[in-house]
Amino acid sequence: MASRAIGRASVRAVKSRLTPQKAPLVITNNAVQKLKALMKARPEMAGVSIGVKTRGCNGLTYTLDYAEKKGKFDEEVVQDGVKVFIDAKAQLTLLGTEMDYQEDMLTSEFIFNNPNIKGTCGCGESFNV
């Protein structure tokens, strides 16, 4: 199956733990609105899949792809009508994480505010736990 990458994402380590939530991932309103716009352009897709892969100078990076269906071991997060499927390999690295979307004159990207991260690279694309 061909990759259907959505765009870039950055990671930020946060100093304090977020308040525990029922969902393994909390999606901000900005991220929900952006995901809705992306999904509107691809109505044949069931949702967005988040995974991790080895990359960069610090070990891991998140991947964002369109998903045709939920994987067998994926965790499903539904927020405001948006479906996000978390790959089994990414589930432990995402617990307690807030997914945000930010846009400015130079860039637009999803930001993962993650309390589990022990270190990030200088550019913020890779991390370790």
N, C-alpha and C. Protein backbone atom coordinates (compact mmCIF):
# COMPACT_ATOMS: atom_id res chain seq x y z
N MET A 1 0.84 -1.17 0.00
CA MET A 1 0.00 0.00 0.00
C MET A 1 0.89 1.24 0.00
N ALA A 2 0.60 2.19 -0.82
CA ALA A 2 1.36 3.42 -0.95
C ALA A 2 1.15 4.31 0.27
N SER A 3 2.20 5.02 0.63
CA SER A 3 2.12 5.94 1.76
C SER A 3 1.25 7.14 1.40
N ARG A 4 0.47 7.59 2.35
CA ARG A 4 -0.40 8.75 2.16
C ARG A 4 -0.10 9.76 3.25
N ALA A 5 1.11 10.27 3.25
CA ALA A 5 1.56 11.20 4.29
C ALA A 5 0.75 12.49 4.24
N ILE A 6 0.46 13.02 5.41
CA ILE A 6 -0.33 14.23 5.54
C ILE A 6 0.56 15.47 5.55
N GLY A 7 1.62 15.44 6.29
CA GLY A 7 2.48 16.60 6.39
C GLY A 7 3.50 16.41 7.48
N ARG A 8 4.11 17.48 7.92
CA ARG A 8 5.13 17.38 8.94
C ARG A 8 4.56 17.55 10.34
N ALA A 9 5.31 17.07 11.32
CA ALA A 9 4.90 17.19 12.71
C ALA A 9 6.14 17.43 13.56
N SER A 10 6.00 18.18 14.62
CA SER A 10 7.09 18.43 15.56
C SER A 10 6.72 17.87 16.91
N VAL A 11 7.73 17.68 17.74
CA VAL A 11 7.55 17.13 19.06
C VAL A 11 8.12 18.11 20.07
N ARG A 12 7.43 18.28 21.17
CA ARG A 12 7.93 19.12 22.26
C ARG A 12 7.80 18.36 23.57
N ALA A 13 8.87 18.33 24.32
CA ALA A 13 8.82 17.74 25.66
C ALA A 13 8.21 18.80 26.58
N VAL A 14 7.27 18.39 27.41
CA VAL A 14 6.67 19.32 28.36
C VAL A 14 7.16 18.97 29.75
N LYS A 15 7.35 19.98 30.57
CA LYS A 15 7.96 19.76 31.88
C LYS A 15 7.02 19.09 32.88
N SER A 16 5.76 19.47 32.86
CA SER A 16 4.84 18.88 33.82
C SER A 16 3.90 17.91 33.12
N ARG A 17 3.44 16.96 33.86
CA ARG A 17 2.51 15.97 33.33
C ARG A 17 1.16 16.63 33.08
N LEU A 18 0.53 16.26 31.97
CA LEU A 18 -0.82 16.74 31.70
C LEU A 18 -1.79 16.01 32.60
N THR A 19 -2.95 16.58 32.83
CA THR A 19 -3.96 15.93 33.62
C THR A 19 -4.41 14.66 32.91
N PRO A 20 -4.41 13.50 33.62
CA PRO A 20 -4.81 12.26 32.95
C PRO A 20 -6.20 12.38 32.35
N GLN A 21 -6.35 11.90 31.14
CA GLN A 21 -7.61 11.92 30.43
C GLN A 21 -8.06 10.49 30.15
N LYS A 22 -9.32 10.31 29.78
CA LYS A 22 -9.81 9.00 29.40
C LYS A 22 -9.22 8.56 28.07
N ALA A 23 -9.04 9.50 27.16
CA ALA A 23 -8.48 9.19 25.85
C ALA A 23 -6.95 9.15 25.94
N PRO A 24 -6.30 8.27 25.18
CA PRO A 24 -4.84 8.22 25.20
C PRO A 24 -4.18 9.43 24.56
N LEU A 25 -4.95 10.22 23.82
CA LEU A 25 -4.46 11.40 23.13
C LEU A 25 -5.54 12.47 23.20
N VAL A 26 -5.15 13.68 23.56
CA VAL A 26 -6.07 14.80 23.59
C VAL A 26 -5.78 15.66 22.36
N ILE A 27 -6.82 15.98 21.61
CA ILE A 27 -6.67 16.75 20.38
C ILE A 27 -7.25 18.15 20.61
N THR A 28 -6.43 19.18 20.39
CA THR A 28 -6.90 20.54 20.59
C THR A 28 -7.90 20.92 19.50
N ASN A 29 -8.63 22.00 19.73
CA ASN A 29 -9.61 22.47 18.76
C ASN A 29 -8.94 22.83 17.42
N ASN A 30 -7.75 23.46 17.47
CA ASN A 30 -7.03 23.78 16.23
C ASN A 30 -6.71 22.52 15.42
N ALA A 31 -6.26 21.48 16.11
CA ALA A 31 -5.93 20.22 15.43
C ALA A 31 -7.20 19.55 14.88
N VAL A 32 -8.29 19.59 15.64
CA VAL A 32 -9.55 19.02 15.16
C VAL A 32 -10.00 19.71 13.89
N GLN A 33 -9.95 21.04 13.88
CA GLN A 33 -10.38 21.79 12.70
C GLN A 33 -9.52 21.47 11.47
N LYS A 34 -8.20 21.36 11.67
CA LYS A 34 -7.31 21.04 10.56
C LYS A 34 -7.56 19.61 10.07
N LEU A 35 -7.75 18.67 10.98
CA LEU A 35 -8.03 17.28 10.60
C LEU A 35 -9.35 17.18 9.85
N LYS A 36 -10.35 17.95 10.28
CA LYS A 36 -11.64 17.95 9.57
C LYS A 36 -11.45 18.44 8.14
N ALA A 37 -10.66 19.49 7.96
CA ALA A 37 -10.41 20.03 6.62
C ALA A 37 -9.66 19.01 5.76
N LEU A 38 -8.68 18.34 6.34
CA LEU A 38 -7.94 17.32 5.60
C LEU A 38 -8.84 16.15 5.20
N MET A 39 -9.70 15.74 6.13
CA MET A 39 -10.59 14.61 5.86
C MET A 39 -11.66 14.98 4.84
N LYS A 40 -12.08 16.23 4.82
CA LYS A 40 -13.07 16.67 3.84
C LYS A 40 -12.51 16.53 2.42
N ALA A 41 -11.21 16.77 2.29
CA ALA A 41 -10.56 16.63 0.98
C ALA A 41 -10.36 15.17 0.59
N ARG A 42 -10.43 14.26 1.54
CA ARG A 42 -10.25 12.82 1.27
C ARG A 42 -11.38 12.02 1.93
N PRO A 43 -12.62 12.20 1.48
CA PRO A 43 -13.76 11.56 2.14
C PRO A 43 -13.75 10.03 2.09
N GLU A 44 -12.97 9.45 1.19
CA GLU A 44 -12.89 8.00 1.11
C GLU A 44 -12.08 7.38 2.26
N MET A 45 -11.36 8.22 3.01
CA MET A 45 -10.54 7.73 4.12
C MET A 45 -11.34 7.71 5.41
N ALA A 46 -11.04 6.73 6.26
CA ALA A 46 -11.77 6.57 7.52
C ALA A 46 -11.27 7.50 8.60
N GLY A 47 -10.01 7.89 8.52
CA GLY A 47 -9.43 8.73 9.55
C GLY A 47 -7.96 8.97 9.30
N VAL A 48 -7.26 9.33 10.37
CA VAL A 48 -5.83 9.61 10.32
C VAL A 48 -5.13 8.62 11.22
N SER A 49 -4.00 8.10 10.76
CA SER A 49 -3.21 7.15 11.53
C SER A 49 -1.94 7.83 12.04
N ILE A 50 -1.64 7.62 13.34
CA ILE A 50 -0.40 8.12 13.93
C ILE A 50 0.48 6.92 14.25
N GLY A 51 1.72 6.99 13.81
CA GLY A 51 2.68 5.93 14.09
C GLY A 51 4.00 6.53 14.52
N VAL A 52 5.00 5.68 14.77
CA VAL A 52 6.36 6.12 15.05
C VAL A 52 7.31 5.36 14.15
N LYS A 53 8.41 6.01 13.81
CA LYS A 53 9.46 5.32 13.08
C LYS A 53 10.81 5.86 13.54
N THR A 54 11.84 5.08 13.32
CA THR A 54 13.19 5.49 13.67
C THR A 54 13.67 6.51 12.66
N ARG A 55 14.13 7.65 13.17
CA ARG A 55 14.56 8.72 12.27
C ARG A 55 15.26 9.82 13.06
N GLY A 56 16.09 10.56 12.41
CA GLY A 56 16.70 11.73 13.01
C GLY A 56 17.82 11.41 13.97
N CYS A 57 18.29 12.43 14.63
CA CYS A 57 19.45 12.29 15.51
C CYS A 57 19.07 11.84 16.92
N ASN A 58 17.80 11.78 17.24
CA ASN A 58 17.40 11.44 18.60
C ASN A 58 16.57 10.16 18.69
N GLY A 59 16.31 9.48 17.60
CA GLY A 59 15.70 8.17 17.69
C GLY A 59 14.37 7.97 17.00
N LEU A 60 13.32 8.63 17.44
CA LEU A 60 11.98 8.38 16.93
C LEU A 60 11.33 9.66 16.39
N THR A 61 10.39 9.47 15.49
CA THR A 61 9.59 10.57 14.99
C THR A 61 8.18 10.07 14.76
N TYR A 62 7.20 10.95 14.88
CA TYR A 62 5.81 10.57 14.62
C TYR A 62 5.53 10.65 13.13
N THR A 63 4.66 9.77 12.66
CA THR A 63 4.19 9.80 11.27
C THR A 63 2.69 10.04 11.29
N LEU A 64 2.20 10.79 10.33
CA LEU A 64 0.77 11.05 10.17
C LEU A 64 0.39 10.66 8.75
N ASP A 65 -0.56 9.74 8.64
CA ASP A 65 -1.00 9.26 7.34
C ASP A 65 -2.52 9.16 7.32
N TYR A 66 -3.08 9.23 6.13
CA TYR A 66 -4.50 8.92 5.97
C TYR A 66 -4.67 7.43 6.19
N ALA A 67 -5.80 7.02 6.74
CA ALA A 67 -6.07 5.60 6.99
C ALA A 67 -7.39 5.21 6.35
N GLU A 68 -7.36 4.12 5.62
CA GLU A 68 -8.59 3.59 5.01
C GLU A 68 -9.46 2.88 6.03
N LYS A 69 -8.79 2.30 7.06
CA LYS A 69 -9.54 1.61 8.12
C LYS A 69 -8.66 1.52 9.37
N LYS A 70 -9.27 1.17 10.47
CA LYS A 70 -8.56 0.99 11.73
C LYS A 70 -7.80 -0.32 11.67
N GLY A 71 -6.54 -0.29 12.06
CA GLY A 71 -5.73 -1.51 12.12
C GLY A 71 -6.16 -2.40 13.27
N LYS A 72 -5.81 -3.65 13.20
CA LYS A 72 -6.24 -4.64 14.18
C LYS A 72 -5.88 -4.25 15.62
N PHE A 73 -4.69 -3.73 15.84
CA PHE A 73 -4.24 -3.40 17.19
C PHE A 73 -4.19 -1.89 17.46
N ASP A 74 -4.76 -1.10 16.56
CA ASP A 74 -4.77 0.34 16.72
C ASP A 74 -5.72 0.77 17.83
N GLU A 75 -5.33 1.82 18.53
CA GLU A 75 -6.21 2.48 19.50
C GLU A 75 -6.96 3.56 18.74
N GLU A 76 -8.26 3.66 18.94
CA GLU A 76 -9.06 4.65 18.22
C GLU A 76 -9.46 5.78 19.15
N VAL A 77 -9.19 7.00 18.72
CA VAL A 77 -9.59 8.19 19.45
C VAL A 77 -10.55 8.95 18.55
N VAL A 78 -11.76 9.21 19.04
CA VAL A 78 -12.74 9.98 18.29
C VAL A 78 -13.03 11.24 19.09
N GLN A 79 -12.79 12.37 18.44
CA GLN A 79 -13.03 13.65 19.11
C GLN A 79 -13.67 14.60 18.12
N ASP A 80 -14.85 15.10 18.46
CA ASP A 80 -15.59 16.04 17.62
C ASP A 80 -15.76 15.53 16.19
N GLY A 81 -16.00 14.24 16.05
CA GLY A 81 -16.23 13.66 14.73
C GLY A 81 -14.98 13.27 13.97
N VAL A 82 -13.81 13.53 14.51
CA VAL A 82 -12.56 13.17 13.86
C VAL A 82 -12.05 11.86 14.45
N LYS A 83 -11.65 10.93 13.56
CA LYS A 83 -11.11 9.65 14.01
C LYS A 83 -9.60 9.63 13.81
N VAL A 84 -8.90 9.31 14.91
CA VAL A 84 -7.45 9.15 14.88
C VAL A 84 -7.15 7.73 15.35
N PHE A 85 -6.39 7.00 14.55
CA PHE A 85 -6.00 5.64 14.87
C PHE A 85 -4.53 5.66 15.29
N ILE A 86 -4.24 5.17 16.49
CA ILE A 86 -2.87 5.17 17.00
C ILE A 86 -2.31 3.77 16.84
N ASP A 87 -1.24 3.67 16.05
CA ASP A 87 -0.56 2.40 15.81
C ASP A 87 -0.07 1.82 17.14
N ALA A 88 -0.08 0.49 17.25
CA ALA A 88 0.31 -0.18 18.48
C ALA A 88 1.70 0.25 18.96
N LYS A 89 2.65 0.45 18.04
CA LYS A 89 4.01 0.85 18.42
C LYS A 89 4.07 2.26 18.99
N ALA A 90 3.11 3.10 18.65
CA ALA A 90 3.12 4.49 19.10
C ALA A 90 2.32 4.71 20.38
N GLN A 91 1.53 3.74 20.80
CA GLN A 91 0.59 3.95 21.90
C GLN A 91 1.27 4.36 23.20
N LEU A 92 2.35 3.69 23.59
CA LEU A 92 3.00 4.03 24.86
C LEU A 92 3.71 5.36 24.81
N THR A 93 4.21 5.75 23.64
CA THR A 93 4.89 7.04 23.55
C THR A 93 3.92 8.20 23.54
N LEU A 94 2.64 7.94 23.26
CA LEU A 94 1.64 9.02 23.16
C LEU A 94 0.78 9.21 24.41
N LEU A 95 0.84 8.31 25.37
CA LEU A 95 -0.02 8.43 26.55
C LEU A 95 0.13 9.79 27.22
N GLY A 96 -0.96 10.47 27.41
CA GLY A 96 -0.96 11.77 28.06
C GLY A 96 -0.55 12.92 27.16
N THR A 97 -0.46 12.68 25.85
CA THR A 97 0.00 13.70 24.91
C THR A 97 -1.14 14.54 24.37
N GLU A 98 -0.86 15.80 24.14
CA GLU A 98 -1.79 16.72 23.50
C GLU A 98 -1.33 16.94 22.06
N MET A 99 -2.24 16.74 21.11
CA MET A 99 -1.96 16.99 19.70
C MET A 99 -2.54 18.35 19.34
N ASP A 100 -1.69 19.25 18.86
CA ASP A 100 -2.10 20.60 18.51
C ASP A 100 -1.73 20.86 17.05
N TYR A 101 -2.28 21.93 16.49
CA TYR A 101 -1.92 22.36 15.15
C TYR A 101 -1.63 23.84 15.20
N GLN A 102 -0.47 24.24 14.66
CA GLN A 102 -0.09 25.64 14.67
C GLN A 102 0.32 26.07 13.28
N GLU A 103 -0.01 27.31 12.97
CA GLU A 103 0.29 27.87 11.65
C GLU A 103 0.81 29.29 11.85
N ASP A 104 1.91 29.61 11.16
CA ASP A 104 2.40 30.98 11.16
C ASP A 104 2.90 31.31 9.75
N MET A 105 3.60 32.41 9.59
CA MET A 105 4.02 32.84 8.26
C MET A 105 5.05 31.90 7.63
N LEU A 106 5.78 31.14 8.43
CA LEU A 106 6.83 30.28 7.91
C LEU A 106 6.46 28.80 7.82
N THR A 107 5.58 28.35 8.67
CA THR A 107 5.30 26.92 8.72
C THR A 107 3.89 26.64 9.21
N SER A 108 3.43 25.45 8.91
CA SER A 108 2.19 24.94 9.48
C SER A 108 2.44 23.48 9.80
N GLU A 109 2.10 23.08 11.04
CA GLU A 109 2.43 21.73 11.46
C GLU A 109 1.61 21.28 12.67
N PHE A 110 1.52 19.97 12.81
CA PHE A 110 0.95 19.38 14.01
C PHE A 110 2.05 19.33 15.05
N ILE A 111 1.71 19.65 16.30
CA ILE A 111 2.66 19.65 17.41
C ILE A 111 2.17 18.62 18.43
N PHE A 112 3.05 17.76 18.88
CA PHE A 112 2.73 16.79 19.92
C PHE A 112 3.40 17.25 21.21
N ASN A 113 2.60 17.75 22.15
CA ASN A 113 3.09 18.16 23.47
C ASN A 113 3.08 16.93 24.36
N ASN A 114 4.26 16.33 24.51
CA ASN A 114 4.35 14.99 25.09
C ASN A 114 5.15 15.00 26.40
N PRO A 115 4.52 14.60 27.52
CA PRO A 115 5.21 14.58 28.81
C PRO A 115 6.15 13.39 28.98
N ASN A 116 6.12 12.41 28.07
CA ASN A 116 6.92 11.20 28.19
C ASN A 116 8.31 11.33 27.57
N ILE A 117 8.56 12.39 26.85
CA ILE A 117 9.81 12.56 26.12
C ILE A 117 10.95 12.93 27.05
N LYS A 118 12.08 12.24 26.88
CA LYS A 118 13.27 12.52 27.69
C LYS A 118 14.21 13.49 26.99
N GLY A 119 14.15 13.54 25.64
CA GLY A 119 15.02 14.45 24.91
C GLY A 119 14.56 14.59 23.47
N THR A 120 14.88 15.73 22.87
CA THR A 120 14.55 15.97 21.46
C THR A 120 15.79 16.47 20.75
N CYS A 121 15.77 16.38 19.43
CA CYS A 121 16.87 16.94 18.65
C CYS A 121 16.65 18.46 18.51
N GLY A 122 17.63 19.16 17.98
CA GLY A 122 17.56 20.61 17.87
C GLY A 122 16.41 21.10 17.00
N CYS A 123 16.06 20.35 15.96
CA CYS A 123 14.99 20.79 15.06
C CYS A 123 13.61 20.40 15.56
N GLY A 124 13.52 19.52 16.57
CA GLY A 124 12.24 19.14 17.14
C GLY A 124 11.51 18.04 16.39
N GLU A 125 12.15 17.41 15.40
CA GLU A 125 11.47 16.36 14.64
C GLU A 125 11.65 14.97 15.23
N SER A 126 12.71 14.72 16.00
CA SER A 126 12.89 13.40 16.57
C SER A 126 13.02 13.51 18.08
N PHE A 127 12.77 12.39 18.76
CA PHE A 127 12.75 12.36 20.23
C PHE A 127 13.12 11.00 20.74
N ASN A 128 13.35 10.92 22.06
CA ASN A 128 13.53 9.62 22.70
C ASN A 128 12.73 9.61 24.00
N VAL A 129 12.35 8.41 24.42
CA VAL A 129 11.56 8.25 25.64
C VAL A 129 12.31 7.38 26.63
